[in-house]
Protein backbone atom coordinates (compact mmCIF):
# COMPACT_ATOMS: atom_id res chain seq x y z
CA MET A 1 0.03 -0.07 0.06
CA ASN A 2 1.47 3.42 -0.92
CA LEU A 3 1.28 6.76 0.84
CA LYS A 4 -1.62 7.90 -1.23
CA GLN A 5 -3.78 4.91 -0.56
CA LEU A 6 -2.89 4.96 3.21
CA LEU A 7 -3.99 8.66 3.45
CA LYS A 8 -7.15 8.12 1.47
CA ARG A 9 -8.18 5.05 3.71
CA ALA A 10 -7.48 7.27 6.64
CA GLY A 11 -9.92 9.83 5.30
CA VAL A 12 -7.43 12.71 4.72
CA SER A 13 -8.51 15.33 2.09
CA SER A 14 -7.03 15.18 -1.26
CA ASN A 15 -5.44 18.58 -0.88
CA ILE A 16 -3.45 17.35 1.99
CA ILE A 17 -2.55 14.14 0.13
CA ALA A 18 -1.05 15.96 -2.72
CA GLU A 19 0.89 18.35 -0.26
CA VAL A 20 2.18 15.26 1.51
CA GLU A 21 3.30 13.74 -1.71
CA ARG A 22 5.07 16.91 -3.00
CA LYS A 23 6.93 17.14 0.22
CA ALA A 24 7.92 13.57 0.15
CA LYS A 25 9.15 13.93 -3.33
CA MET A 26 11.14 17.16 -2.44
CA THR A 27 12.75 15.34 0.65
CA THR A 28 13.87 12.44 -1.51
CA ALA A 29 15.32 14.83 -4.24
CA GLN A 30 17.18 16.81 -1.49
CA GLN A 31 18.47 13.48 -0.16
CA GLU A 32 19.62 12.47 -3.60
CA ILE A 33 21.51 15.79 -4.06
CA GLU A 34 23.17 15.37 -0.63
CA HIS A 35 24.28 11.93 -1.52
CA GLN A 36 25.68 13.00 -4.89
CA GLU A 37 27.55 16.00 -3.16
CA LYS A 38 29.11 13.63 -0.51
CA ALA A 39 30.16 11.24 -3.30
CA ALA A 40 31.69 13.86 -5.23
CA ALA A 41 33.53 15.31 -2.27
CA MET A 42 34.93 11.70 -1.53
CA ALA A 43 36.03 11.29 -5.06
CA LYS A 44 37.89 14.56 -5.07
CA MET A 45 39.50 13.66 -1.79
CA MET A 46 40.64 10.22 -3.09
CA LEU A 47 41.89 11.84 -6.27
CA ASN A 48 43.89 14.53 -4.25
CA ASP A 49 45.47 11.76 -2.33
CA VAL A 50 46.50 9.73 -5.45
CA MET A 51 47.45 12.39 -7.91
CA PRO A 52 50.94 13.10 -6.24
CA HIS A 53 51.76 9.51 -6.36
CA LEU A 54 50.60 9.19 -9.92
CA HIS A 55 52.40 12.09 -11.13
CA SER A 56 55.61 10.90 -9.44
CA ALA A 57 55.17 7.56 -11.07
CA MET A 58 54.64 8.95 -14.49
CA THR A 59 57.75 11.33 -14.28
CA LYS A 60 60.10 8.56 -13.35
CA THR A 61 61.76 6.94 -16.34
CA PRO A 62 61.72 3.33 -16.27
CA PRO A 63 65.06 1.49 -15.96
CA SER A 64 66.79 0.87 -19.44
CA LYS A 65 67.32 -2.73 -20.35
CA PRO A 66 70.88 -3.90 -19.97
CA LYS A 67 72.84 -3.98 -23.21
CA LYS A 68 73.47 -7.36 -24.33
CA THR A 69 76.90 -8.25 -25.56
CA ILE A 70 77.77 -10.97 -27.79
CA ILE A 71 81.12 -12.56 -27.29
CA ILE A 72 82.70 -14.07 -30.48
CA PRO A 73 85.21 -16.61 -29.83
CA ASP A 74 88.52 -16.01 -31.61
């Protein structure tokens, strides 16, 4: 049973039902926005922690392979 059916069963007027549904949708939308903001902040924090290590890893040159010498018998 959803909210609208519950309120109708309780005998609440349709204007109040519409207002309660609007308020519930607004609260859900606000919570979604807050969750997205928290997720974005966490992602930024993780990137800020990783970027110096990533930058230093990219600037290091990989060790060159040792030169192979072929010894020719005399």
